[in-house]
């Protein structure tokens, strides 16, 4: 998944709207919508604010974007073994058991 998709999913799972999040991070709703849709990637300052509002460390958001296509072939076997459990564990830590992320 792309970073915008993860952000959009977490916004919904947190029971927030894009409008609420946009106001809290000091961006226009259109700007946040473009991030969620993948039109633009968030700059570091915006990413920090989004993570603060969502209560998720940046590293976690980026980890959740990693997929099989990002992994070197010689490490793919290990990724397939570990990634689903790690992603499930991370999701449970942040209280979102119903969030499903693709490997």
Foldseek 3Di string as FASTA:
>chain_A
DDLLCLLVVLCVLVVHDLCVLCVQLVHHSVVSVCCNVVVDPDDPSSLVSSCVVSVHDPVLSVLLPDDLVNDPPVCSVVCVVPVVVVNCVSCVVSPRNPDDGHD
